Amino acid sequence: MNAKSRVENPVSAGGVVYQINGGRLETVLCGRSQPVRWSLAKGTPDEGETMEQTALREVREETGLEVEIDGSLGSIDYWFADRRNDVRYHKTVYFYLMVPVGGAIDQHDPEFDVVQWFDAEDALKNLAYANEVNVLQRALDLIAVRNGANSRERT
Protein backbone atom coordinates (compact mmCIF):
# COMPACT_ATOMS: atom_id res chain seq x y z
CA MET A 1 0.00 0.00 0.00
CA ASN A 2 1.26 3.46 -0.67
CA ALA A 3 0.43 6.80 0.90
CA LYS A 4 -1.87 7.63 -1.99
CA SER A 5 -4.03 4.51 -1.68
CA ARG A 6 -7.70 5.16 -2.28
CA VAL A 7 -9.74 5.04 0.95
CA GLU A 8 -13.34 3.83 0.98
CA ASN A 9 -15.77 4.00 3.91
CA PRO A 10 -18.26 1.11 3.70
CA VAL A 11 -20.96 0.59 6.33
CA SER A 12 -22.81 -2.48 7.58
CA ALA A 13 -25.42 -3.21 10.21
CA GLY A 14 -26.27 -6.22 12.32
CA GLY A 15 -27.41 -7.38 15.69
CA VAL A 16 -27.04 -9.27 18.90
CA VAL A 17 -30.10 -11.51 19.18
CA TYR A 18 -30.87 -12.68 22.71
CA GLN A 19 -33.42 -14.70 24.63
CA ILE A 20 -33.92 -15.95 28.16
CA ASN A 21 -34.25 -19.75 28.06
CA GLY A 22 -34.80 -21.60 31.33
CA GLY A 23 -33.47 -18.61 33.24
CA ARG A 24 -30.28 -18.49 31.15
CA LEU A 25 -29.35 -15.64 28.83
CA GLU A 26 -28.59 -16.94 25.33
CA THR A 27 -27.43 -15.29 22.12
CA VAL A 28 -27.10 -16.39 18.49
CA LEU A 29 -23.77 -16.70 16.69
CA CYS A 30 -23.11 -17.50 13.03
CA GLY A 31 -20.27 -19.84 12.08
CA ARG A 32 -18.25 -20.34 8.92
CA SER A 33 -15.66 -22.96 7.84
CA GLN A 34 -13.74 -25.63 9.72
CA PRO A 35 -12.65 -24.95 12.36
CA VAL A 36 -15.71 -22.78 12.87
CA ARG A 37 -15.09 -19.03 13.26
CA TRP A 38 -18.05 -17.57 15.12
CA SER A 39 -19.34 -14.03 14.46
CA LEU A 40 -22.38 -11.80 14.84
CA ALA A 41 -24.88 -11.47 12.00
CA LYS A 42 -24.31 -8.33 9.93
CA GLY A 43 -24.27 -7.12 6.36
CA THR A 44 -24.36 -4.33 3.80
CA PRO A 45 -27.36 -2.06 3.19
CA ASP A 46 -29.47 -2.42 0.08
CA GLU A 47 -30.22 0.78 -1.83
CA GLY A 48 -32.39 3.11 0.27
CA GLU A 49 -32.30 1.05 3.48
CA THR A 50 -31.74 2.62 6.88
CA MET A 51 -29.21 1.00 9.20
CA GLU A 52 -32.10 -0.42 11.25
CA GLN A 53 -33.74 -1.94 8.15
CA THR A 54 -30.40 -3.39 7.08
CA ALA A 55 -29.81 -4.92 10.50
CA LEU A 56 -33.28 -6.50 10.60
CA ARG A 57 -32.93 -7.95 7.08
CA GLU A 58 -29.37 -9.21 7.51
CA VAL A 59 -30.11 -10.85 10.85
CA ARG A 60 -33.22 -12.51 9.37
CA GLU A 61 -31.26 -13.80 6.35
CA GLU A 62 -28.17 -14.94 8.23
CA THR A 63 -29.83 -16.47 11.31
CA GLY A 64 -33.26 -17.54 10.01
CA LEU A 65 -34.89 -15.62 12.87
CA GLU A 66 -37.49 -12.88 12.59
CA VAL A 67 -36.37 -10.21 15.05
CA GLU A 68 -37.32 -6.85 16.51
CA ILE A 69 -34.89 -4.14 17.59
CA ASP A 70 -34.67 -3.70 21.36
CA GLY A 71 -32.10 -0.88 21.42
CA SER A 72 -28.90 0.44 19.89
CA LEU A 73 -25.46 -0.95 20.72
CA GLY A 74 -23.56 1.75 18.89
CA SER A 75 -20.93 0.98 16.28
CA ILE A 76 -17.48 -0.43 15.75
CA ASP A 77 -14.99 0.51 13.08
CA TYR A 78 -11.88 -1.09 11.67
CA TRP A 79 -9.47 -0.89 8.75
CA PHE A 80 -8.61 -3.49 6.14
CA ALA A 81 -6.91 -3.38 2.76
CA ASP A 82 -7.23 -4.71 -0.76
CA ARG A 83 -3.57 -4.63 -1.75
CA ARG A 84 -4.20 -5.88 -5.28
CA ASN A 85 -6.41 -2.86 -6.05
CA ASP A 86 -4.52 -0.46 -3.76
CA VAL A 87 -7.62 0.34 -1.67
CA ARG A 88 -7.85 0.82 2.08
CA TYR A 89 -11.25 0.43 3.76
CA HIS A 90 -12.38 2.12 6.95
CA LYS A 91 -15.51 0.14 7.77
CA THR A 92 -18.19 1.08 10.30
CA VAL A 93 -20.66 -1.53 11.55
CA TYR A 94 -23.78 -0.48 13.47
CA PHE A 95 -25.18 -3.02 15.92
CA TYR A 96 -28.59 -3.34 17.56
CA LEU A 97 -29.89 -5.39 20.45
CA MET A 98 -32.60 -7.71 19.10
CA VAL A 99 -35.20 -10.18 20.31
CA PRO A 100 -36.56 -13.09 18.25
CA VAL A 101 -40.26 -12.99 17.37
CA GLY A 102 -40.38 -15.92 14.92
CA GLY A 103 -38.42 -18.03 12.48
CA ALA A 104 -35.86 -20.70 13.33
CA ILE A 105 -32.08 -20.95 13.14
CA ASP A 106 -32.31 -23.93 10.77
CA GLN A 107 -33.76 -21.51 8.19
CA HIS A 108 -30.54 -19.46 7.86
CA ASP A 109 -29.12 -18.70 4.43
CA PRO A 110 -26.07 -20.57 3.05
CA GLU A 111 -23.66 -17.70 3.82
CA PHE A 112 -22.93 -19.46 7.12
CA ASP A 113 -22.32 -23.15 7.69
CA VAL A 114 -23.96 -23.16 11.11
CA VAL A 115 -26.07 -20.87 13.29
CA GLN A 116 -26.36 -21.72 16.98
CA TRP A 117 -27.70 -20.44 20.30
CA PHE A 118 -24.97 -20.04 22.93
CA ASP A 119 -25.04 -19.35 26.63
CA ALA A 120 -24.00 -15.68 26.79
CA GLU A 121 -20.68 -16.37 28.56
CA ASP A 122 -19.81 -19.12 26.07
CA ALA A 123 -20.63 -16.76 23.21
CA LEU A 124 -18.12 -14.24 24.57
CA LYS A 125 -15.44 -16.95 24.60
CA ASN A 126 -16.24 -18.23 21.11
CA LEU A 127 -16.49 -15.03 19.08
CA ALA A 128 -13.59 -14.79 16.62
CA TYR A 129 -13.21 -10.99 16.59
CA ALA A 130 -12.31 -8.87 19.63
CA ASN A 131 -14.42 -5.91 18.48
CA GLU A 132 -17.49 -8.20 18.31
CA VAL A 133 -16.70 -9.47 21.82
CA ASN A 134 -16.89 -5.81 22.91
CA VAL A 135 -20.28 -5.41 21.17
CA LEU A 136 -21.64 -8.54 22.83
CA GLN A 137 -20.35 -7.36 26.23
CA ARG A 138 -22.13 -4.01 25.65
CA ALA A 139 -25.31 -5.97 24.90
CA LEU A 140 -24.98 -8.11 28.03
CA ASP A 141 -24.35 -5.01 30.17
CA LEU A 142 -27.45 -3.32 28.72
CA ILE A 143 -29.59 -6.42 29.35
CA ALA A 144 -28.28 -6.63 32.94
CA VAL A 145 -29.06 -2.96 33.62
CA ARG A 146 -32.58 -3.38 32.23
CA ASN A 147 -33.23 -6.53 34.24
CA GLY A 148 -31.87 -4.90 37.39
CA ALA A 149 -34.05 -1.85 36.83
CA ASN A 150 -37.09 -4.03 36.17
CA SER A 151 -36.60 -6.12 39.31
CA ARG A 152 -36.15 -2.96 41.45
CA GLU A 153 -39.37 -1.50 40.03
CA ARG A 154 -41.29 -4.62 41.08
CA THR A 155 -40.12 -4.55 44.70
C-alpha atoms as a PDB file:
ATOM      1  CA  MET A   1       0.000   0.000   0.000  1.00  0.00           C
ATOM      2  CA  ASN A   2       1.258   3.463  -0.675  1.00  0.00           C
ATOM      3  CA  ALA A   3       0.430   6.801   0.896  1.00  0.00           C
ATOM      4  CA  LYS A   4      -1.871   7.633  -1.990  1.00  0.00           C
ATOM      5  CA  SER A   5      -4.031   4.514  -1.683  1.00  0.00           C
ATOM      6  CA  ARG A   6      -7.696   5.159  -2.276  1.00  0.00           C
ATOM      7  CA  VAL A   7      -9.742   5.038   0.949  1.00  0.00           C
ATOM      8  CA  GLU A   8     -13.340   3.828   0.977  1.00  0.00           C
ATOM      9  CA  ASN A   9     -15.769   3.997   3.907  1.00  0.00           C
ATOM     10  CA  PRO A  10     -18.257   1.110   3.702  1.00  0.00           C
ATOM     11  CA  VAL A  11     -20.964   0.590   6.329  1.00  0.00           C
ATOM     12  CA  SER A  12     -22.812  -2.480   7.580  1.00  0.00           C
ATOM     13  CA  ALA A  13     -25.421  -3.215  10.214  1.00  0.00           C
ATOM     14  CA  GLY A  14     -26.269  -6.219  12.323  1.00  0.00           C
ATOM     15  CA  GLY A  15     -27.413  -7.378  15.685  1.00  0.00           C
ATOM     16  CA  VAL A  16     -27.038  -9.270  18.903  1.00  0.00           C
ATOM     17  CA  VAL A  17     -30.104 -11.511  19.182  1.00  0.00           C
ATOM     18  CA  TYR A  18     -30.865 -12.679  22.710  1.00  0.00           C
ATOM     19  CA  GLN A  19     -33.424 -14.696  24.628  1.00  0.00           C
ATOM     20  CA  ILE A  20     -33.917 -15.952  28.156  1.00  0.00           C
ATOM     21  CA  ASN A  21     -34.251 -19.745  28.065  1.00  0.00           C
ATOM     22  CA  GLY A  22     -34.799 -21.597  31.335  1.00  0.00           C
ATOM     23  CA  GLY A  23     -33.466 -18.605  33.245  1.00  0.00           C
ATOM     24  CA  ARG A  24     -30.281 -18.486  31.147  1.00  0.00           C
ATOM     25  CA  LEU A  25     -29.349 -15.644  28.825  1.00  0.00           C
ATOM     26  CA  GLU A  26     -28.586 -16.943  25.331  1.00  0.00           C
ATOM     27  CA  THR A  27     -27.427 -15.291  22.122  1.00  0.00           C
ATOM     28  CA  VAL A  28     -27.097 -16.391  18.492  1.00  0.00           C
ATOM     29  CA  LEU A  29     -23.770 -16.701  16.687  1.00  0.00           C
ATOM     30  CA  CYS A  30     -23.109 -17.499  13.032  1.00  0.00           C
ATOM     31  CA  GLY A  31     -20.265 -19.839  12.077  1.00  0.00           C
ATOM     32  CA  ARG A  32     -18.254 -20.344   8.919  1.00  0.00           C
ATOM     33  CA  SER A  33     -15.661 -22.962   7.837  1.00  0.00           C
ATOM     34  CA  GLN A  34     -13.736 -25.625   9.723  1.00  0.00           C
ATOM     35  CA  PRO A  35     -12.653 -24.947  12.363  1.00  0.00           C
ATOM     36  CA  VAL A  36     -15.710 -22.776  12.869  1.00  0.00           C
ATOM     37  CA  ARG A  37     -15.095 -19.031  13.257  1.00  0.00           C
ATOM     38  CA  TRP A  38     -18.055 -17.566  15.125  1.00  0.00           C
ATOM     39  CA  SER A  39     -19.342 -14.032  14.460  1.00  0.00           C
ATOM     40  CA  LEU A  40     -22.378 -11.802  14.844  1.00  0.00           C
ATOM     41  CA  ALA A  41     -24.877 -11.469  11.996  1.00  0.00           C
ATOM     42  CA  LYS A  42     -24.314  -8.326   9.929  1.00  0.00           C
ATOM     43  CA  GLY A  43     -24.269  -7.116   6.359  1.00  0.00           C
ATOM     44  CA  THR A  44     -24.360  -4.329   3.805  1.00  0.00           C
ATOM     45  CA  PRO A  45     -27.360  -2.059   3.189  1.00  0.00           C
ATOM     46  CA  ASP A  46     -29.467  -2.419   0.084  1.00  0.00           C
ATOM     47  CA  GLU A  47     -30.217   0.781  -1.835  1.00  0.00           C
ATOM     48  CA  GLY A  48     -32.390   3.114   0.267  1.00  0.00           C
ATOM     49  CA  GLU A  49     -32.295   1.053   3.479  1.00  0.00           C
ATOM     50  CA  THR A  50     -31.741   2.620   6.881  1.00  0.00           C
ATOM     51  CA  MET A  51     -29.207   1.001   9.201  1.00  0.00           C
ATOM     52  CA  GLU A  52     -32.105  -0.422  11.255  1.00  0.00           C
ATOM     53  CA  GLN A  53     -33.743  -1.935   8.150  1.00  0.00           C
ATOM     54  CA  THR A  54     -30.402  -3.395   7.076  1.00  0.00           C
ATOM     55  CA  ALA A  55     -29.812  -4.924  10.504  1.00  0.00           C
ATOM     56  CA  LEU A  56     -33.281  -6.502  10.597  1.00  0.00           C
ATOM     57  CA  ARG A  57     -32.933  -7.952   7.075  1.00  0.00           C
ATOM     58  CA  GLU A  58     -29.370  -9.208   7.506  1.00  0.00           C
ATOM     59  CA  VAL A  59     -30.107 -10.853  10.853  1.00  0.00           C
ATOM     60  CA  ARG A  60     -33.217 -12.510   9.366  1.00  0.00           C
ATOM     61  CA  GLU A  61     -31.264 -13.799   6.352  1.00  0.00           C
ATOM     62  CA  GLU A  62     -28.167 -14.940   8.231  1.00  0.00           C
ATOM     63  CA  THR A  63     -29.834 -16.470  11.311  1.00  0.00           C
ATOM     64  CA  GLY A  64     -33.256 -17.539  10.006  1.00  0.00           C
ATOM     65  CA  LEU A  65     -34.892 -15.617  12.866  1.00  0.00           C
ATOM     66  CA  GLU A  66     -37.491 -12.882  12.587  1.00  0.00           C
ATOM     67  CA  VAL A  67     -36.374 -10.209  15.050  1.00  0.00           C
ATOM     68  CA  GLU A  68     -37.323  -6.845  16.506  1.00  0.00           C
ATOM     69  CA  ILE A  69     -34.895  -4.138  17.587  1.00  0.00           C
ATOM     70  CA  ASP A  70     -34.672  -3.702  21.364  1.00  0.00           C
ATOM     71  CA  GLY A  71     -32.100  -0.884  21.425  1.00  0.00           C
ATOM     72  CA  SER A  72     -28.902   0.445  19.887  1.00  0.00           C
ATOM     73  CA  LEU A  73     -25.464  -0.952  20.723  1.00  0.00           C
ATOM     74  CA  GLY A  74     -23.559   1.749  18.887  1.00  0.00           C
ATOM     75  CA  SER A  75     -20.930   0.982  16.277  1.00  0.00           C
ATOM     76  CA  ILE A  76     -17.477  -0.435  15.749  1.00  0.00           C
ATOM     77  CA  ASP A  77     -14.993   0.510  13.085  1.00  0.00           C
ATOM     78  CA  TYR A  78     -11.881  -1.090  11.665  1.00  0.00           C
ATOM     79  CA  TRP A  79      -9.468  -0.885   8.749  1.00  0.00           C
ATOM     80  CA  PHE A  80      -8.606  -3.491   6.137  1.00  0.00           C
ATOM     81  CA  ALA A  81      -6.909  -3.379   2.759  1.00  0.00           C
ATOM     82  CA  ASP A  82      -7.228  -4.715  -0.756  1.00  0.00           C
ATOM     83  CA  ARG A  83      -3.566  -4.627  -1.754  1.00  0.00           C
ATOM     84  CA  ARG A  84      -4.197  -5.878  -5.276  1.00  0.00           C
ATOM     85  CA  ASN A  85      -6.409  -2.863  -6.053  1.00  0.00           C
ATOM     86  CA  ASP A  86      -4.518  -0.458  -3.762  1.00  0.00           C
ATOM     87  CA  VAL A  87      -7.617   0.337  -1.674  1.00  0.00           C
ATOM     88  CA  ARG A  88      -7.846   0.818   2.083  1.00  0.00           C
ATOM     89  CA  TYR A  89     -11.245   0.434   3.756  1.00  0.00           C
ATOM     90  CA  HIS A  90     -12.379   2.118   6.946  1.00  0.00           C
ATOM     91  CA  LYS A  91     -15.514   0.138   7.768  1.00  0.00           C
ATOM     92  CA  THR A  92     -18.192   1.080  10.301  1.00  0.00           C
ATOM     93  CA  VAL A  93     -20.664  -1.531  11.546  1.00  0.00           C
ATOM     94  CA  TYR A  94     -23.781  -0.475  13.468  1.00  0.00           C
ATOM     95  CA  PHE A  95     -25.177  -3.018  15.924  1.00  0.00           C
ATOM     96  CA  TYR A  96     -28.586  -3.344  17.558  1.00  0.00           C
ATOM     97  CA  LEU A  97     -29.887  -5.391  20.449  1.00  0.00           C
ATOM     98  CA  MET A  98     -32.602  -7.707  19.095  1.00  0.00           C
ATOM     99  CA  VAL A  99     -35.199 -10.177  20.314  1.00  0.00           C
ATOM    100  CA  PRO A 100     -36.561 -13.090  18.251  1.00  0.00           C
ATOM    101  CA  VAL A 101     -40.260 -12.990  17.367  1.00  0.00           C
ATOM    102  CA  GLY A 102     -40.380 -15.917  14.920  1.00  0.00           C
ATOM    103  CA  GLY A 103     -38.422 -18.034  12.477  1.00  0.00           C
ATOM    104  CA  ALA A 104     -35.865 -20.699  13.330  1.00  0.00           C
ATOM    105  CA  ILE A 105     -32.081 -20.953  13.136  1.00  0.00           C
ATOM    106  CA  ASP A 106     -32.308 -23.934  10.774  1.00  0.00           C
ATOM    107  CA  GLN A 107     -33.761 -21.509   8.188  1.00  0.00           C
ATOM    108  CA  HIS A 108     -30.542 -19.457   7.862  1.00  0.00           C
ATOM    109  CA  ASP A 109     -29.121 -18.700   4.425  1.00  0.00           C
ATOM    110  CA  PRO A 110     -26.074 -20.568   3.049  1.00  0.00           C
ATOM    111  CA  GLU A 111     -23.660 -17.704   3.815  1.00  0.00           C
ATOM    112  CA  PHE A 112     -22.934 -19.463   7.118  1.00  0.00           C
ATOM    113  CA  ASP A 113     -22.324 -23.149   7.690  1.00  0.00           C
ATOM    114  CA  VAL A 114     -23.965 -23.162  11.107  1.00  0.00           C
ATOM    115  CA  VAL A 115     -26.073 -20.867  13.292  1.00  0.00           C
ATOM    116  CA  GLN A 116     -26.363 -21.721  16.976  1.00  0.00           C
ATOM    117  CA  TRP A 117     -27.699 -20.444  20.297  1.00  0.00           C
ATOM    118  CA  PHE A 118     -24.970 -20.036  22.931  1.00  0.00           C
ATOM    119  CA  ASP A 119     -25.044 -19.349  26.630  1.00  0.00           C
ATOM    120  CA  ALA A 120     -23.995 -15.683  26.791  1.00  0.00           C
ATOM    121  CA  GLU A 121     -20.680 -16.371  28.562  1.00  0.00           C
ATOM    122  CA  ASP A 122     -19.807 -19.124  26.069  1.00  0.00           C
ATOM    123  CA  ALA A 123     -20.629 -16.760  23.206  1.00  0.00           C
ATOM    124  CA  LEU A 124     -18.120 -14.242  24.575  1.00  0.00           C
ATOM    125  CA  LYS A 125     -15.438 -16.953  24.601  1.00  0.00           C
ATOM    126  CA  ASN A 126     -16.245 -18.234  21.113  1.00  0.00           C
ATOM    127  CA  LEU A 127     -16.487 -15.029  19.075  1.00  0.00           C
ATOM    128  CA  ALA A 128     -13.590 -14.788  16.621  1.00  0.00           C
ATOM    129  CA  TYR A 129     -13.207 -10.991  16.592  1.00  0.00           C
ATOM    130  CA  ALA A 130     -12.315  -8.870  19.631  1.00  0.00           C
ATOM    131  CA  ASN A 131     -14.424  -5.914  18.484  1.00  0.00           C
ATOM    132  CA  GLU A 132     -17.488  -8.197  18.311  1.00  0.00           C
ATOM    133  CA  VAL A 133     -16.701  -9.469  21.824  1.00  0.00           C
ATOM    134  CA  ASN A 134     -16.895  -5.815  22.906  1.00  0.00           C
ATOM    135  CA  VAL A 135     -20.279  -5.408  21.170  1.00  0.00           C
ATOM    136  CA  LEU A 136     -21.636  -8.538  22.833  1.00  0.00           C
ATOM    137  CA  GLN A 137     -20.352  -7.359  26.230  1.00  0.00           C
ATOM    138  CA  ARG A 138     -22.125  -4.011  25.652  1.00  0.00           C
ATOM    139  CA  ALA A 139     -25.309  -5.970  24.901  1.00  0.00           C
ATOM    140  CA  LEU A 140     -24.984  -8.109  28.035  1.00  0.00           C
ATOM    141  CA  ASP A 141     -24.351  -5.011  30.165  1.00  0.00           C
ATOM    142  CA  LEU A 142     -27.453  -3.320  28.722  1.00  0.00           C
ATOM    143  CA  ILE A 143     -29.591  -6.418  29.352  1.00  0.00           C
ATOM    144  CA  ALA A 144     -28.283  -6.634  32.941  1.00  0.00           C
ATOM    145  CA  VAL A 145     -29.063  -2.961  33.619  1.00  0.00           C
ATOM    146  CA  ARG A 146     -32.581  -3.385  32.226  1.00  0.00           C
ATOM    147  CA  ASN A 147     -33.231  -6.535  34.240  1.00  0.00           C
ATOM    148  CA  GLY A 148     -31.869  -4.902  37.390  1.00  0.00           C
ATOM    149  CA  ALA A 149     -34.055  -1.849  36.830  1.00  0.00           C
ATOM    150  CA  ASN A 150     -37.088  -4.033  36.175  1.00  0.00           C
ATOM    151  CA  SER A 151     -36.602  -6.115  39.314  1.00  0.00           C
ATOM    152  CA  ARG A 152     -36.153  -2.963  41.447  1.00  0.00           C
ATOM    153  CA  GLU A 153     -39.370  -1.502  40.034  1.00  0.00           C
ATOM    154  CA  ARG A 154     -41.288  -4.624  41.084  1.00  0.00           C
ATOM    155  CA  THR A 155     -40.116  -4.546  44.699  1.00  0.00           C
END
